[in-house]
C-alpha atoms as a PDB file:
ATOM      1  CA  UNK A   1     -44.497 -71.296 -85.777  1.00  0.00           C
ATOM      2  CA  UNK A   2     -42.885 -67.989 -85.679  1.00  0.00           C
ATOM      3  CA  UNK A   3     -38.969 -67.537 -84.817  1.00  0.00           C
ATOM      4  CA  UNK A   4     -37.345 -64.436 -83.125  1.00  0.00           C
ATOM      5  CA  UNK A   5     -34.229 -63.460 -84.192  1.00  0.00           C
ATOM      6  CA  UNK A   6     -32.267 -61.373 -81.634  1.00  0.00           C
ATOM      7  CA  UNK A   7     -29.234 -59.547 -82.495  1.00  0.00           C
ATOM      8  CA  UNK A   8     -26.106 -59.014 -80.405  1.00  0.00           C
ATOM      9  CA  UNK A   9     -23.736 -55.822 -80.747  1.00  0.00           C
ATOM     10  CA  UNK A  10     -20.385 -57.288 -81.933  1.00  0.00           C
ATOM     11  CA  UNK A  11     -19.025 -55.152 -79.526  1.00  0.00           C
ATOM     12  CA  UNK A  12     -20.175 -55.002 -76.037  1.00  0.00           C
ATOM     13  CA  UNK A  13     -22.549 -57.984 -76.217  1.00  0.00           C
ATOM     14  CA  UNK A  14     -25.593 -55.941 -75.390  1.00  0.00           C
ATOM     15  CA  UNK A  15     -29.259 -57.327 -76.979  1.00  0.00           C
ATOM     16  CA  UNK A  16     -31.931 -54.561 -78.170  1.00  0.00           C
ATOM     17  CA  UNK A  17     -33.935 -53.397 -80.785  1.00  0.00           C
ATOM     18  CA  UNK A  18     -31.550 -50.809 -81.654  1.00  0.00           C
ATOM     19  CA  UNK A  19     -29.227 -53.837 -82.757  1.00  0.00           C
ATOM     20  CA  UNK A  20     -28.882 -54.039 -86.220  1.00  0.00           C
ATOM     21  CA  UNK A  21     -26.705 -55.123 -89.391  1.00  0.00           C
ATOM     22  CA  UNK A  22     -24.129 -51.945 -90.345  1.00  0.00           C
ATOM     23  CA  UNK A  23     -22.419 -51.579 -93.227  1.00  0.00           C
ATOM     24  CA  UNK A  24     -19.366 -48.806 -93.537  1.00  0.00           C
ATOM     25  CA  UNK A  25     -16.723 -48.271 -95.766  1.00  0.00           C
ATOM     26  CA  UNK A  26     -12.964 -47.839 -95.155  1.00  0.00           C
ATOM     27  CA  UNK A  27     -10.657 -47.250 -97.832  1.00  0.00           C
ATOM     28  CA  UNK A  28     -12.719 -48.347-100.521  1.00  0.00           C
ATOM     29  CA  UNK A  29     -13.612 -51.914 -98.850  1.00  0.00           C
ATOM     30  CA  UNK A  30     -17.281 -52.581 -97.334  1.00  0.00           C
ATOM     31  CA  UNK A  31     -17.556 -54.433 -93.704  1.00  0.00           C
ATOM     32  CA  UNK A  32     -20.481 -55.055 -91.934  1.00  0.00           C
ATOM     33  CA  UNK A  33     -21.156 -55.340 -88.363  1.00  0.00           C
ATOM     34  CA  UNK A  34     -24.037 -55.997 -85.748  1.00  0.00           C
ATOM     35  CA  UNK A  35     -24.150 -52.390 -83.764  1.00  0.00           C
ATOM     36  CA  UNK A  36     -26.258 -50.457 -81.150  1.00  0.00           C
ATOM     37  CA  UNK A  37     -27.388 -47.171 -82.289  1.00  0.00           C
ATOM     38  CA  UNK A  38     -24.661 -45.616 -79.595  1.00  0.00           C
ATOM     39  CA  UNK A  39     -22.131 -47.680 -81.097  1.00  0.00           C
ATOM     40  CA  UNK A  40     -22.866 -46.931 -84.602  1.00  0.00           C
ATOM     41  CA  UNK A  41     -22.790 -43.509 -83.513  1.00  0.00           C
ATOM     42  CA  UNK A  42     -19.030 -44.442 -82.265  1.00  0.00           C
ATOM     43  CA  UNK A  43     -18.034 -45.851 -84.966  1.00  0.00           C
ATOM     44  CA  UNK A  44     -18.796 -42.786 -87.459  1.00  0.00           C
ATOM     45  CA  UNK A  45     -17.585 -40.889 -84.856  1.00  0.00           C
ATOM     46  CA  UNK A  46     -14.207 -42.307 -85.209  1.00  0.00           C
ATOM     47  CA  UNK A  47     -14.200 -42.843 -89.129  1.00  0.00           C
ATOM     48  CA  UNK A  48     -14.983 -39.034 -89.369  1.00  0.00           C
ATOM     49  CA  UNK A  49     -12.109 -38.695 -86.806  1.00  0.00           C
ATOM     50  CA  UNK A  50      -9.669 -40.612 -89.152  1.00  0.00           C
ATOM     51  CA  UNK A  51     -10.528 -39.585 -92.382  1.00  0.00           C
ATOM     52  CA  UNK A  52      -7.913 -36.340 -92.433  1.00  0.00           C
ATOM     53  CA  UNK A  53      -5.385 -38.478 -91.701  1.00  0.00           C
ATOM     54  CA  UNK A  54      -6.126 -40.956 -94.665  1.00  0.00           C
ATOM     55  CA  UNK A  55      -6.994 -38.041 -97.084  1.00  0.00           C
ATOM     56  CA  UNK A  56      -3.392 -37.036 -96.463  1.00  0.00           C
ATOM     57  CA  UNK A  57      -1.391 -40.054 -96.067  1.00  0.00           C
ATOM     58  CA  UNK A  58       0.309 -41.730 -99.050  1.00  0.00           C
ATOM     59  CA  UNK A  59      -0.608 -45.642 -99.264  1.00  0.00           C
ATOM     60  CA  UNK A  60       2.599 -47.966 -98.825  1.00  0.00           C
ATOM     61  CA  UNK A  61       2.244 -50.566-101.627  1.00  0.00           C
ATOM     62  CA  UNK A  62       3.578 -53.871-100.719  1.00  0.00           C
ATOM     63  CA  UNK A  63       7.224 -54.716-101.765  1.00  0.00           C
ATOM     64  CA  UNK A  64       7.060 -56.562-105.339  1.00  0.00           C
ATOM     65  CA  UNK A  65      10.063 -58.950-106.647  1.00  0.00           C
ATOM     66  CA  UNK A  66      12.924 -56.787-107.776  1.00  0.00           C
ATOM     67  CA  UNK A  67      13.885 -56.190-110.913  1.00  0.00           C
ATOM     68  CA  UNK A  68      16.773 -58.466-110.955  1.00  0.00           C
ATOM     69  CA  UNK A  69      14.161 -61.691-110.616  1.00  0.00           C
ATOM     70  CA  UNK A  70      14.855 -63.879-113.201  1.00  0.00           C
ATOM     71  CA  UNK A  71      17.673 -62.398-114.839  1.00  0.00           C
ATOM     72  CA  UNK A  72      21.128 -63.209-114.993  1.00  0.00           C
ATOM     73  CA  UNK A  73      23.975 -61.058-114.104  1.00  0.00           C
ATOM     74  CA  UNK A  74      25.550 -59.672-116.928  1.00  0.00           C
ATOM     75  CA  UNK A  75      29.367 -59.931-115.406  1.00  0.00           C
ATOM     76  CA  UNK A  76      30.551 -61.342-112.302  1.00  0.00           C
ATOM     77  CA  UNK A  77      33.253 -59.604-109.913  1.00  0.00           C
ATOM     78  CA  UNK A  78      32.984 -56.389-111.705  1.00  0.00           C
ATOM     79  CA  UNK A  79      30.713 -53.274-111.313  1.00  0.00           C
ATOM     80  CA  UNK A  80      28.908 -51.335-114.563  1.00  0.00           C
ATOM     81  CA  UNK A  81      31.204 -48.273-113.235  1.00  0.00           C
ATOM     82  CA  UNK A  82      34.465 -50.607-114.078  1.00  0.00           C
ATOM     83  CA  UNK A  83      32.867 -51.517-117.266  1.00  0.00           C
ATOM     84  CA  UNK A  84      32.018 -47.958-118.041  1.00  0.00           C
ATOM     85  CA  UNK A  85      35.798 -46.944-116.943  1.00  0.00           C
ATOM     86  CA  UNK A  86      37.233 -49.847-119.097  1.00  0.00           C
ATOM     87  CA  UNK A  87      35.247 -48.514-122.065  1.00  0.00           C
ATOM     88  CA  UNK A  88      36.316 -45.025-121.436  1.00  0.00           C
ATOM     89  CA  UNK A  89      40.060 -46.059-121.688  1.00  0.00           C
ATOM     90  CA  UNK A  90      39.461 -48.003-124.302  1.00  0.00           C
ATOM     91  CA  UNK A  91      37.415 -45.686-126.560  1.00  0.00           C
ATOM     92  CA  UNK A  92      34.445 -48.076-126.444  1.00  0.00           C
ATOM     93  CA  UNK A  93      31.422 -45.894-126.928  1.00  0.00           C
ATOM     94  CA  UNK A  94      29.377 -46.143-123.496  1.00  0.00           C
ATOM     95  CA  UNK A  95      26.793 -43.830-121.901  1.00  0.00           C
ATOM     96  CA  UNK A  96      27.506 -42.285-118.485  1.00  0.00           C
ATOM     97  CA  UNK A  97      24.034 -43.218-117.102  1.00  0.00           C
ATOM     98  CA  UNK A  98      21.605 -46.037-118.061  1.00  0.00           C
ATOM     99  CA  UNK A  99      21.942 -49.358-119.661  1.00  0.00           C
ATOM    100  CA  UNK A 100      24.914 -50.596-120.990  1.00  0.00           C
ATOM    101  CA  UNK A 101      24.889 -52.164-124.548  1.00  0.00           C
ATOM    102  CA  UNK A 102      25.430 -55.918-124.418  1.00  0.00           C
ATOM    103  CA  UNK A 103      28.259 -55.528-127.188  1.00  0.00           C
ATOM    104  CA  UNK A 104      30.130 -53.313-124.179  1.00  0.00           C
ATOM    105  CA  UNK A 105      29.419 -56.076-121.950  1.00  0.00           C
ATOM    106  CA  UNK A 106      30.420 -59.005-124.688  1.00  0.00           C
ATOM    107  CA  UNK A 107      33.970 -56.952-125.690  1.00  0.00           C
ATOM    108  CA  UNK A 108      34.533 -56.040-121.004  1.00  0.00           C
ATOM    109  CA  UNK A 109      34.321 -60.080-120.829  1.00  0.00           C
ATOM    110  CA  UNK A 110      36.316 -60.717-124.068  1.00  0.00           C
ATOM    111  CA  UNK A 111      39.236 -58.865-121.935  1.00  0.00           C
ATOM    112  CA  UNK A 112      38.354 -59.880-118.689  1.00  0.00           C
ATOM    113  CA  UNK A 113      37.610 -63.679-119.226  1.00  0.00           C
ATOM    114  CA  UNK A 114      36.922 -63.926-115.242  1.00  0.00           C
ATOM    115  CA  UNK A 115      34.175 -61.491-115.647  1.00  0.00           C
ATOM    116  CA  UNK A 116      32.161 -64.152-117.589  1.00  0.00           C
ATOM    117  CA  UNK A 117      29.210 -65.234-115.702  1.00  0.00           C
ATOM    118  CA  UNK A 118      28.372 -68.354-114.806  1.00  0.00           C
ATOM    119  CA  UNK A 119      25.342 -69.574-117.280  1.00  0.00           C
END
């Protein structure tokens, strides 16, 4: 017993000898679709038209979890700027930018007990 497979165009629902499974690639991912020759030509024209836009665009990465996740605060109720100003007034060595050492935070909390973070 013979069976006949009839492919149907996934875009317009047409049937015909020219309808076939067509693979195409977009942004490194491969897709497949059943298309007639005409619709496959239309698909390729659209992909060709889209190529310069993709080539000149920058990919937007999904937002990740912030750097702060899982970290506890070093101080409560004060900013790093407050810590730096205090350190400069007290003659404690601290960088103008970047990471503040744990020792500087500890000294600040010693003189500002209300800055101690909840543990």
